[in-house]
Protein backbone atom coordinates (compact mmCIF):
# COMPACT_ATOMS: atom_id res chain seq x y z
CA MET A 1 101.91 55.69 87.82
CA THR A 2 102.00 57.80 90.92
CA GLU A 3 99.06 59.52 92.47
CA SER A 4 99.34 63.16 93.29
CA SER A 5 98.20 64.26 96.68
CA ALA A 6 96.26 67.40 97.47
CA GLU A 7 99.48 68.89 98.83
CA ASP A 8 101.10 68.74 95.36
CA LYS A 9 98.33 70.68 93.64
CA PRO A 10 98.46 74.47 93.60
CA VAL A 11 95.77 76.22 95.57
CA GLU A 12 93.49 78.24 93.35
CA GLY A 13 94.38 81.94 93.48
CA GLU A 14 97.74 81.29 95.13
CA ALA A 15 100.83 82.50 93.32
CA PRO A 16 103.46 79.87 92.52
CA PRO A 17 106.57 80.10 94.67
CA ALA A 18 109.22 82.51 93.41
CA PRO A 19 112.32 80.86 91.95
CA ALA A 20 115.40 80.87 94.14
CA PRO A 21 117.59 83.92 93.47
CA GLU A 22 120.62 83.33 91.30
CA PRO A 23 124.01 84.34 92.70
CA LEU A 24 125.86 87.37 91.38
CA PRO A 25 128.89 86.19 89.36
CA ALA A 26 131.82 86.02 91.78
CA ASP A 27 134.16 88.18 89.68
CA ILE A 28 131.62 91.01 89.53
CA ALA A 29 130.91 90.77 93.26
CA GLU A 30 134.64 90.81 94.01
CA ALA A 31 135.58 93.59 91.56
CA LEU A 32 132.72 95.94 92.42
CA GLY A 33 132.39 94.92 96.07
CA GLU A 34 131.35 97.88 98.23
CA THR A 35 130.14 99.89 95.24
CA ILE A 36 127.15 97.55 94.87
CA LEU A 37 124.20 98.66 96.99
CA GLU A 38 121.72 96.06 95.66
CA SER A 39 121.91 93.19 93.22
CA ALA A 40 119.61 90.69 91.57
CA VAL A 41 120.20 88.02 88.93
CA ALA A 42 117.46 86.31 86.95
CA GLY A 43 117.75 84.33 83.75
CA GLY A 44 121.28 85.55 83.09
CA SER A 45 120.26 89.20 83.40
CA ILE A 46 122.07 91.12 86.14
CA ARG A 47 120.59 94.15 87.89
CA LEU A 48 122.87 96.28 90.07
CA THR A 49 122.32 99.45 92.04
CA VAL A 50 125.70 101.09 92.45
CA ARG A 51 127.09 104.10 94.30
CA PRO A 52 126.99 107.19 92.06
CA GLU A 53 130.69 107.98 92.40
CA ALA A 54 131.58 104.47 91.16
CA ILE A 55 129.47 104.32 87.98
CA ALA A 56 132.34 104.97 85.55
CA ASP A 57 134.56 102.34 87.20
CA ALA A 58 131.69 99.83 87.23
CA CYS A 59 130.99 100.43 83.52
CA ARG A 60 134.68 100.16 82.67
CA TYR A 61 135.02 96.85 84.56
CA LEU A 62 131.90 95.37 82.91
CA ARG A 63 133.05 96.53 79.45
CA ASP A 64 136.52 95.02 79.86
CA ARG A 65 135.47 91.90 81.81
CA GLU A 66 137.14 88.69 80.68
CA GLY A 67 134.92 85.92 79.42
CA ARG A 68 131.64 87.81 79.30
CA ALA A 69 132.15 91.48 78.52
CA TYR A 70 129.27 93.92 78.20
CA GLU A 71 130.61 96.07 75.37
CA HIS A 72 127.41 97.73 74.19
CA LEU A 73 125.65 100.59 75.97
CA ALA A 74 122.14 100.29 74.57
CA SER A 75 120.55 103.02 76.65
CA LEU A 76 121.09 105.56 79.38
CA LEU A 77 117.92 106.99 80.87
CA GLY A 78 117.21 109.69 83.40
CA LEU A 79 114.39 109.07 85.88
CA ASP A 80 112.45 111.14 88.37
CA TYR A 81 111.40 109.06 91.38
CA GLY A 82 109.76 112.03 93.10
CA ASP A 83 112.04 112.33 96.13
CA ASP A 84 115.21 111.76 94.15
CA LEU A 85 116.47 111.29 90.60
CA GLY A 86 118.14 108.34 88.95
CA VAL A 87 119.97 107.09 85.92
CA VAL A 88 119.60 103.62 84.41
CA TYR A 89 122.20 102.07 82.10
CA HIS A 90 121.54 99.00 79.91
CA LEU A 91 124.71 97.14 78.89
CA TYR A 92 124.69 94.13 76.56
CA GLU A 93 127.14 91.60 75.20
CA LEU A 94 127.83 92.20 71.53
CA HIS A 95 127.60 88.50 70.70
CA GLY A 96 125.16 87.10 73.17
CA ARG A 97 122.00 87.74 75.03
CA ALA A 98 123.34 88.62 78.46
CA ARG A 99 122.74 92.06 79.89
CA VAL A 100 123.49 94.18 82.91
CA VAL A 101 121.16 96.91 84.09
CA LEU A 102 122.87 99.47 86.32
CA HIS A 103 120.85 101.82 88.52
CA VAL A 104 122.12 104.95 90.26
CA ARG A 105 120.05 107.11 92.62
CA LEU A 106 120.90 110.78 93.11
CA PRO A 107 119.73 113.50 95.47
CA ARG A 108 117.23 115.81 93.84
CA ALA A 109 118.95 118.95 95.15
CA ALA A 110 122.36 118.31 93.54
CA PRO A 111 122.25 115.39 91.09
CA THR A 112 125.86 114.89 90.00
CA LEU A 113 127.40 111.82 88.42
CA PRO A 114 130.71 111.02 86.71
CA SER A 115 130.39 110.90 82.92
CA ILE A 116 130.86 107.54 81.22
CA ALA A 117 131.37 109.13 77.79
CA GLY A 118 135.04 108.14 78.06
CA VAL A 119 134.01 104.51 78.63
CA PHE A 120 131.20 104.26 76.07
CA LEU A 121 131.12 106.77 73.21
CA ALA A 122 127.38 106.15 72.91
CA ALA A 123 126.90 107.86 76.28
CA ASP A 124 127.75 111.29 74.85
CA TRP A 125 124.33 112.44 73.60
CA LYS A 126 122.43 110.30 76.11
CA GLU A 127 124.12 112.08 79.00
CA ARG A 128 123.47 115.45 77.37
CA GLU A 129 119.79 114.59 77.08
CA ALA A 130 119.55 113.47 80.73
CA ALA A 131 121.35 116.64 81.81
CA GLU A 132 119.01 118.84 79.81
CA MET A 133 115.75 117.09 80.70
CA TYR A 134 116.42 116.18 84.36
CA GLY A 135 119.19 118.53 85.48
CA ILE A 136 121.69 115.76 86.17
CA ALA A 137 125.26 117.05 85.95
CA PHE A 138 127.72 114.62 84.34
CA GLU A 139 131.17 115.60 85.60
CA GLY A 140 133.90 115.31 83.01
CA HIS A 141 131.52 115.21 80.02
CA PRO A 142 133.45 116.32 76.90
CA ASP A 143 130.64 118.50 75.46
CA PRO A 144 127.97 119.58 77.97
CA ARG A 145 126.09 121.90 75.59
CA LYS A 146 122.32 121.64 75.32
CA LEU A 147 121.18 119.09 72.80
CA LEU A 148 117.42 119.50 72.32
CA LEU A 149 116.20 122.73 73.89
CA PRO A 150 117.10 126.33 73.08
CA ASP A 151 120.06 127.75 74.99
CA ASP A 152 117.84 130.15 76.96
CA TRP A 153 115.48 127.41 78.20
CA GLU A 154 115.09 127.30 81.96
CA GLY A 155 114.12 124.27 84.02
CA TYR A 156 114.07 120.54 83.38
CA PRO A 157 110.99 119.44 81.40
CA LEU A 158 110.94 115.76 82.40
CA ARG A 159 110.98 116.35 86.14
CA LYS A 160 107.65 115.66 87.77
CA ASP A 161 107.55 119.09 89.41
CA TYR A 162 108.21 121.00 86.17
CA VAL A 163 105.64 123.67 85.30
CA ILE A 164 105.40 124.56 81.62
CA PRO A 165 106.24 128.26 81.39
CA GLU A 166 104.99 130.92 79.05
CA HIS A 167 107.64 130.81 76.36
CA PRO A 168 107.94 132.20 72.83
CA TYR A 169 108.78 128.72 71.50
CA LEU A 170 105.56 127.29 72.89
CA THR A 171 102.30 128.20 71.22
CA PRO A 172 98.87 127.02 72.21
CA ASP A 173 97.52 124.12 70.19
CA PRO A 174 95.24 125.79 67.59
CA ARG A 175 92.92 122.76 67.64
CA HIS A 176 91.93 123.38 71.27
CA GLU A 177 90.38 126.51 72.58
CA LEU A 178 91.07 127.35 76.20
């Protein structure tokens, strides 16, 4: 039986050391190279921030990757960071638990991104929703019509700076008097 010294015991209130970062799979690092701005790997989950102009190529490579392909686009979300906008993509293996989370940051003034609807059919309505709610333009989208709001709606309701306008489709809540 060995005795533990005071050095081996965690100090109360001190956080345990962070695990060593896992390396990005070599084929992904090689294939995506300069398009990757940031990467992190933990527990088999890969997180990549990629250049906006390269998102369709990155998705196509990950979908068609040999050995461990990420064939399922589970979600595509628009985000408002305040100073800029973003899009997050969650890709999963069909028969496994591995996932890739792709992040793209876009300038607030002209948020434009290539559409991935030609790579993942599931991106169609998700891109339309992000376009309508955040004002992100998806170049090459096959059907950029509005999905949720009336055609005459102005503005992007999920942006942090959006002000709810007086609009005939919006009525005051009858349960609350102003």
